[in-house]
Amino acid sequence: MKKNKNGFMKKRLWVKISSIALAACITVAGLLAFSPAERVYADNVAVHTTGSSIRMRDSAGLNGKILTVLPKNASLTQTGTEGEWSKVVYNGQTGYIRSDLLAPDAAAASPAPAAVSQETEPAPAATTPAPAVTGGHIICIDPGHQRKGDSTKEPNGPGSTTMKARVTGGTRGGTTGVYEYELNLNVSLKLRDELVRRGYTVYMTRETHDINISNMERAQFATAHGAEISVRIHANGSTNTGVSGALTLTPSAGNPYIPNLAGASQKLSSCVLSSYCAATGMKNQGVQASDTMTGINWCTMPVTILEMGYMTNPADDTNMENADYQAKMVKGIADGIDAYFAS
């Protein structure tokens, strides 16, 4: 049957419009599929961390507040993605971890997001970030205190009826104005990097000031990560501004909770203090026994508290904020740890 010219033109026009519409739909669908906006999976995906000291943040991106630091092979549930980050749930807490630091569990129904980078996430406030784990002896560093203290009570030791504040705010530099929790973390991060360079495996109880982790929980963190020793970094204070020097605190043989750790802890304390004072020229105030420290009493491995100097003493305070002097402090502590494991 013969069709008129107008009929063919209308048909061709309709086909062309339909083709354009179809192409547009395909393009939009593609954009939606690869949009960096968060996507929630139909079924939650079981994943685990592929490295140690993985930071879970409250929002996607390195500017997000650190909620917690996870060990290797920590189990999480991935509920979605936002760009290069995965939205996860860990122990009932929701946060974000970079997708390339996660891997699906063997039984996971869906694959984890494709890796976007092989770089490790930089550690907050560290000048030269280093991986937390390289092998060798396992050490837990506990930078004392945190931005805000917590007066909620916890047992002074396993089974103890004596209750103490979970964590206090610490002291402050009388000359520099620097808070102890700031100094402790600054030195601890540098110590971590130095120990990693020496081949140790290092775990940090905190890498941020905005955290709430009690003294008991710090000791339990060290146990959970298989630490062979716990080195707690603190600074001292006194009403007498003339008092200066460094000391270490250690459990005594009569400690009601961990008397079995007294000998090794005293050896660790002596090694660290001797090397620290030799490297810095700080006055050596000796190894002192203490059985009232919650963070000591809950430990299951040799432990020492290094009081690096007096923030109430002008000279100690000023020295401990000097970068060159801090390098000596870090070297001294690391040398003491070397000496402990070598003896």
Protein backbone atom coordinates (compact mmCIF):
# COMPACT_ATOMS: atom_id res chain seq x y z
CA MET A 1 0.00 0.00 0.00
CA LYS A 2 1.41 3.36 -0.94
CA LYS A 3 1.96 5.87 1.88
CA ASN A 4 2.12 9.58 1.44
CA LYS A 5 5.25 11.58 2.06
CA ASN A 6 3.94 13.21 5.25
CA GLY A 7 3.21 9.79 6.78
CA PHE A 8 6.81 8.67 6.34
CA MET A 9 8.13 11.91 7.78
CA LYS A 10 5.97 11.62 10.88
CA LYS A 11 7.05 8.03 11.43
CA ARG A 12 10.75 8.90 11.10
CA LEU A 13 10.32 11.83 13.50
CA TRP A 14 8.62 9.62 16.09
CA VAL A 15 11.43 7.01 15.88
CA LYS A 16 14.08 9.71 16.29
CA ILE A 17 12.38 11.22 19.36
CA SER A 18 11.98 7.76 20.92
CA SER A 19 15.68 7.02 20.40
CA ILE A 20 16.73 10.27 22.05
CA ALA A 21 14.46 9.60 25.03
CA LEU A 22 15.84 6.10 25.45
CA ALA A 23 19.44 7.35 25.34
CA ALA A 24 18.63 9.99 27.94
CA CYS A 25 17.14 7.37 30.28
CA ILE A 26 20.24 5.19 29.94
CA THR A 27 22.51 8.17 30.70
CA VAL A 28 20.56 9.18 33.80
CA ALA A 29 20.53 5.59 35.05
CA GLY A 30 24.30 5.42 34.59
CA LEU A 31 24.85 8.63 36.49
CA LEU A 32 22.70 7.41 39.36
CA ALA A 33 24.53 4.08 39.49
CA PHE A 34 27.91 5.75 39.88
CA SER A 35 26.87 8.76 41.92
CA PRO A 36 29.10 9.42 44.93
CA ALA A 37 26.00 9.99 47.05
CA GLU A 38 25.37 7.37 49.70
CA ARG A 39 23.88 4.09 48.53
CA VAL A 40 22.30 1.64 50.98
CA TYR A 41 22.48 -2.03 50.07
CA ALA A 42 19.36 -4.16 50.10
CA ASP A 43 21.14 -6.52 52.47
CA ASN A 44 23.77 -5.41 54.98
CA VAL A 45 27.28 -6.59 54.16
CA ALA A 46 29.59 -8.21 56.72
CA VAL A 47 33.10 -6.77 56.40
CA HIS A 48 36.32 -6.58 58.39
CA THR A 49 39.25 -4.20 58.70
CA THR A 50 42.33 -5.13 56.68
CA GLY A 51 44.89 -3.24 58.76
CA SER A 52 45.50 -2.14 62.33
CA SER A 53 44.67 1.19 63.98
CA ILE A 54 41.88 1.88 61.47
CA ARG A 55 40.00 5.06 62.38
CA MET A 56 36.21 5.15 62.31
CA ARG A 57 34.91 8.69 61.91
CA ASP A 58 31.55 10.40 62.45
CA SER A 59 31.38 11.58 58.82
CA ALA A 60 32.91 10.66 55.47
CA GLY A 61 36.29 12.34 54.98
CA LEU A 62 39.51 12.90 56.90
CA ASN A 63 37.98 15.91 58.64
CA GLY A 64 35.44 13.70 60.38
CA LYS A 65 35.79 13.30 64.15
CA ILE A 66 37.45 10.03 65.16
CA LEU A 67 34.95 7.89 67.05
CA THR A 68 37.20 4.92 67.75
CA VAL A 69 40.32 3.12 66.51
CA LEU A 70 39.83 -0.46 65.36
CA PRO A 71 42.29 -3.38 65.33
CA LYS A 72 42.95 -5.63 62.35
CA ASN A 73 40.11 -8.02 61.43
CA ALA A 74 37.51 -6.12 63.45
CA SER A 75 34.04 -7.23 62.32
CA LEU A 76 31.62 -4.58 61.06
CA THR A 77 28.43 -4.26 59.05
CA GLN A 78 28.60 -2.09 55.93
CA THR A 79 25.29 -0.36 55.21
CA GLY A 80 26.24 1.96 52.38
CA THR A 81 28.89 4.06 50.70
CA GLU A 82 29.60 7.74 50.28
CA GLY A 83 32.25 8.40 47.67
CA GLU A 84 35.44 6.64 48.77
CA TRP A 85 34.01 5.93 52.23
CA SER A 86 31.85 3.13 53.62
CA LYS A 87 29.13 3.68 56.17
CA VAL A 88 29.53 0.99 58.83
CA VAL A 89 28.16 -0.18 62.15
CA TYR A 90 30.57 -1.38 64.84
CA ASN A 91 29.33 -2.54 68.25
CA GLY A 92 26.10 -0.60 67.74
CA GLN A 93 27.92 2.61 66.74
CA THR A 94 27.55 4.04 63.23
CA GLY A 95 30.47 5.72 61.49
CA TYR A 96 32.58 5.89 58.34
CA ILE A 97 35.75 4.09 57.25
CA ARG A 98 37.61 4.37 53.97
CA SER A 99 36.42 1.60 51.68
CA ASP A 100 39.92 0.47 50.71
CA LEU A 101 40.62 -0.36 54.36
CA LEU A 102 37.78 -2.93 54.43
CA ALA A 103 37.25 -6.36 52.92
CA PRO A 104 34.16 -8.59 52.74
CA ASP A 105 33.88 -11.54 55.08
CA ALA A 106 34.01 -14.94 53.44
CA ALA A 107 30.27 -15.43 53.91
CA ALA A 108 29.31 -11.95 52.70
CA ALA A 109 26.58 -11.96 50.08
CA SER A 110 27.89 -8.87 48.29
CA PRO A 111 31.43 -7.75 47.47
CA ALA A 112 32.98 -4.81 49.25
CA PRO A 113 33.43 -1.57 47.28
CA ALA A 114 36.39 -1.59 44.92
CA ALA A 115 39.64 -0.30 46.34
CA VAL A 116 40.25 3.34 45.51
CA SER A 117 43.69 3.81 47.04
CA GLN A 118 46.50 1.80 48.51
CA GLU A 119 47.57 4.62 50.81
CA THR A 120 47.02 4.30 54.53
CA GLU A 121 45.01 7.00 56.23
CA PRO A 122 47.31 9.63 57.74
CA ALA A 123 47.43 9.71 61.52
CA PRO A 124 46.18 12.91 63.17
CA ALA A 125 48.86 15.33 64.34
CA ALA A 126 51.77 13.11 63.30
CA THR A 127 54.54 14.89 61.39
CA THR A 128 55.60 11.79 59.47
CA PRO A 129 52.78 9.23 59.58
CA ALA A 130 53.91 5.63 59.86
CA PRO A 131 51.98 2.37 59.78
CA ALA A 132 50.99 1.21 63.24
CA VAL A 133 52.05 -2.37 62.66
CA THR A 134 55.27 -3.68 61.16
CA GLY A 135 55.95 -6.83 63.16
CA GLY A 136 58.22 -7.56 66.09
CA HIS A 137 57.40 -7.07 69.77
CA ILE A 138 53.93 -5.67 70.46
CA ILE A 139 53.76 -2.43 72.43
CA CYS A 140 50.80 -0.41 73.66
CA ILE A 141 51.36 3.32 74.13
CA ASP A 142 48.85 5.09 76.35
CA PRO A 143 48.94 8.90 76.02
CA GLY A 144 47.58 9.94 79.41
CA HIS A 145 44.33 11.87 79.91
CA GLN A 146 42.09 13.43 77.22
CA ARG A 147 40.45 16.78 76.51
CA LYS A 148 37.60 16.28 78.99
CA GLY A 149 37.81 14.27 82.19
CA ASP A 150 35.09 11.84 83.24
CA SER A 151 34.20 11.71 86.93
CA THR A 152 32.05 8.61 86.51
CA LYS A 153 33.41 5.91 88.80
CA GLU A 154 35.04 2.58 87.91
CA PRO A 155 36.74 -0.11 90.05
CA ASN A 156 40.35 0.58 90.98
CA GLY A 157 41.23 -3.00 90.02
CA PRO A 158 39.61 -6.35 89.18
CA GLY A 159 37.08 -7.15 91.91
CA SER A 160 37.87 -3.96 93.81
CA THR A 161 35.25 -2.16 95.88
CA THR A 162 37.36 1.01 95.71
CA MET A 163 35.92 3.27 93.02
CA LYS A 164 37.82 6.02 91.24
CA ALA A 165 37.09 8.55 88.48
CA ARG A 166 37.29 6.98 85.02
CA VAL A 167 39.83 9.56 83.81
CA THR A 168 41.01 12.99 84.94
CA GLY A 169 41.98 16.05 82.94
CA GLY A 170 45.64 16.17 84.00
CA THR A 171 47.83 19.20 84.68
CA ARG A 172 48.91 22.21 82.56
CA GLY A 173 52.15 23.97 81.73
CA GLY A 174 52.68 26.91 84.05
CA THR A 175 54.94 28.64 81.52
CA THR A 176 53.75 27.35 78.13
CA GLY A 177 50.04 27.02 78.96
CA VAL A 178 50.01 23.66 77.14
CA TYR A 179 47.68 21.05 78.62
CA GLU A 180 49.13 17.74 79.72
CA TYR A 181 46.81 15.74 77.46
CA GLU A 182 48.22 17.70 74.48
CA LEU A 183 51.85 17.12 75.43
CA ASN A 184 51.23 13.43 76.15
CA LEU A 185 49.69 12.77 72.75
CA ASN A 186 52.26 14.82 70.85
CA VAL A 187 55.16 12.88 72.35
CA SER A 188 53.31 9.55 72.05
CA LEU A 189 52.68 9.98 68.32
CA LYS A 190 56.35 10.69 67.75
CA LEU A 191 57.28 7.72 69.93
CA ARG A 192 54.95 5.50 67.92
CA ASP A 193 56.65 6.49 64.68
CA GLU A 194 60.12 5.93 66.15
CA LEU A 195 59.20 2.48 67.50
CA VAL A 196 57.67 1.47 64.17
CA ARG A 197 60.89 2.52 62.44
CA ARG A 198 62.72 0.22 64.85
CA GLY A 199 60.50 -2.70 63.84
CA TYR A 200 57.98 -2.84 66.68
CA THR A 201 54.24 -3.42 66.43
CA VAL A 202 52.54 -0.43 68.08
CA TYR A 203 48.99 0.21 69.26
CA MET A 204 47.79 3.57 70.63
CA THR A 205 44.95 3.82 73.14
CA ARG A 206 44.09 7.20 71.65
CA GLU A 207 45.15 9.34 68.70
CA THR A 208 42.80 12.23 69.35
CA HIS A 209 41.92 14.49 72.28
CA ASP A 210 38.17 14.14 71.72
CA ILE A 211 37.64 10.67 73.07
CA ASN A 212 36.35 9.15 76.30
CA ILE A 213 38.37 6.11 77.28
CA SER A 214 38.81 5.28 80.95
CA ASN A 215 41.99 4.13 82.67
CA MET A 216 40.51 0.64 83.05
CA GLU A 217 39.57 0.58 79.36
CA ARG A 218 43.08 1.65 78.36
CA ALA A 219 44.52 -1.35 80.17
CA GLN A 220 41.90 -3.62 78.62
CA PHE A 221 42.73 -2.18 75.19
CA ALA A 222 46.35 -3.25 75.66
CA THR A 223 45.24 -6.75 76.61
CA ALA A 224 42.84 -7.01 73.67
CA HIS A 225 45.65 -6.17 71.25
CA GLY A 226 48.10 -8.68 72.70
CA ALA A 227 50.56 -6.06 73.96
CA GLU A 228 53.71 -7.41 75.58
CA ILE A 229 54.25 -4.17 77.51
CA SER A 230 52.22 -1.05 78.21
CA VAL A 231 54.01 2.31 78.27
CA ARG A 232 51.88 5.09 79.71
CA ILE A 233 53.02 8.62 78.88
CA HIS A 234 52.33 11.37 81.45
CA ALA A 235 53.75 14.63 82.79
CA ASN A 236 53.95 15.71 86.41
CA GLY A 237 52.85 18.70 88.46
CA SER A 238 53.63 20.12 91.90
CA THR A 239 52.69 23.07 94.06
CA ASN A 240 56.44 23.64 94.38
CA THR A 241 57.58 25.10 91.06
CA GLY A 242 61.20 24.36 91.97
CA VAL A 243 60.70 20.59 91.73
CA SER A 244 61.92 19.11 88.44
CA GLY A 245 62.88 15.78 86.93
CA ALA A 246 61.42 12.54 85.63
CA LEU A 247 60.23 9.38 87.35
CA THR A 248 58.44 6.14 86.58
CA LEU A 249 55.59 4.48 88.45
CA THR A 250 55.31 0.70 88.74
CA PRO A 251 53.29 -1.86 90.74
CA SER A 252 54.91 -3.17 93.90
CA ALA A 253 55.35 -6.80 94.89
CA GLY A 254 52.49 -6.24 97.33
CA ASN A 255 50.07 -4.98 94.69
CA PRO A 256 46.66 -6.55 95.53
CA TYR A 257 45.79 -7.11 91.85
CA ILE A 258 48.93 -7.85 89.82
CA PRO A 259 51.80 -8.80 92.17
CA ASN A 260 52.99 -11.27 89.53
CA LEU A 261 53.80 -8.38 87.19
CA ALA A 262 55.84 -6.40 89.71
CA GLY A 263 59.29 -7.72 88.78
CA ALA A 264 58.97 -7.27 85.01
CA SER A 265 57.23 -3.90 85.44
CA GLN A 266 60.03 -2.62 87.68
CA LYS A 267 62.60 -3.78 85.12
CA LEU A 268 60.69 -1.99 82.33
CA SER A 269 60.36 1.15 84.45
CA SER A 270 64.06 1.19 85.25
CA CYS A 271 65.12 0.68 81.61
CA VAL A 272 62.83 3.42 80.32
CA LEU A 273 63.72 5.95 83.03
CA SER A 274 67.49 5.41 82.83
CA SER A 275 67.57 5.78 79.05
CA TYR A 276 65.18 8.73 79.10
CA CYS A 277 67.25 10.69 81.61
CA ALA A 278 70.49 9.81 79.80
CA ALA A 279 69.09 11.13 76.51
CA THR A 280 67.51 14.30 77.88
CA GLY A 281 69.67 15.25 80.86
CA MET A 282 66.49 15.33 82.96
CA LYS A 283 67.02 14.76 86.68
CA ASN A 284 66.32 11.13 87.60
CA GLN A 285 63.80 10.95 90.47
CA GLY A 286 63.81 7.16 90.45
CA VAL A 287 61.40 4.26 90.01
CA GLN A 288 58.52 4.63 92.46
CA ALA A 289 55.96 1.99 93.44
CA SER A 290 52.26 2.77 93.08
CA ASP A 291 49.38 0.39 93.71
CA THR A 292 46.55 2.93 93.42
CA MET A 293 46.65 3.60 89.65
CA THR A 294 43.64 2.06 87.90
CA GLY A 295 45.47 1.97 84.56
CA ILE A 296 48.21 -0.10 86.18
CA ASN A 297 46.01 -2.38 88.27
CA TRP A 298 43.95 -3.60 85.30
CA CYS A 299 46.99 -4.47 83.19
CA THR A 300 47.81 -8.05 82.28
CA MET A 301 51.32 -7.29 81.01
CA PRO A 302 54.35 -5.40 82.40
CA VAL A 303 53.47 -1.73 82.67
CA THR A 304 55.15 1.56 83.46
CA ILE A 305 54.01 5.17 83.77
CA LEU A 306 56.66 7.66 82.68
CA GLU A 307 56.25 11.08 84.26
CA MET A 308 58.34 12.93 81.68
CA GLY A 309 58.91 16.09 83.71
CA TYR A 310 57.13 18.76 85.74
CA MET A 311 54.87 21.07 83.77
CA THR A 312 54.82 23.31 86.85
CA ASN A 313 58.59 23.80 86.60
CA PRO A 314 59.51 26.55 84.09
CA ALA A 315 62.59 24.77 82.72
CA ASP A 316 60.97 21.33 82.42
CA ASP A 317 57.83 22.83 80.90
CA THR A 318 59.73 24.86 78.30
CA ASN A 319 62.05 21.98 77.40
CA MET A 320 59.21 19.50 76.90
CA GLU A 321 57.61 21.82 74.31
CA ASN A 322 60.84 22.20 72.34
CA ALA A 323 60.93 20.07 69.17
CA ASP A 324 64.63 19.21 69.45
CA TYR A 325 64.21 18.28 73.10
CA GLN A 326 61.18 16.13 72.25
CA ALA A 327 63.33 14.23 69.77
CA LYS A 328 65.68 13.41 72.67
CA MET A 329 62.71 12.40 74.85
CA VAL A 330 61.42 10.01 72.19
CA LYS A 331 64.87 8.52 71.56
CA GLY A 332 65.35 7.97 75.29
CA ILE A 333 62.05 6.15 75.73
CA ALA A 334 62.65 4.00 72.64
CA ASP A 335 66.18 3.17 73.80
CA GLY A 336 64.75 2.08 77.15
CA ILE A 337 62.26 -0.23 75.43
CA ASP A 338 65.10 -1.67 73.35
CA ALA A 339 67.08 -2.29 76.53
CA TYR A 340 64.12 -4.02 78.21
CA PHE A 341 63.65 -6.53 75.39
CA ALA A 342 67.40 -7.05 75.00
CA SER A 343 67.99 -7.93 78.65
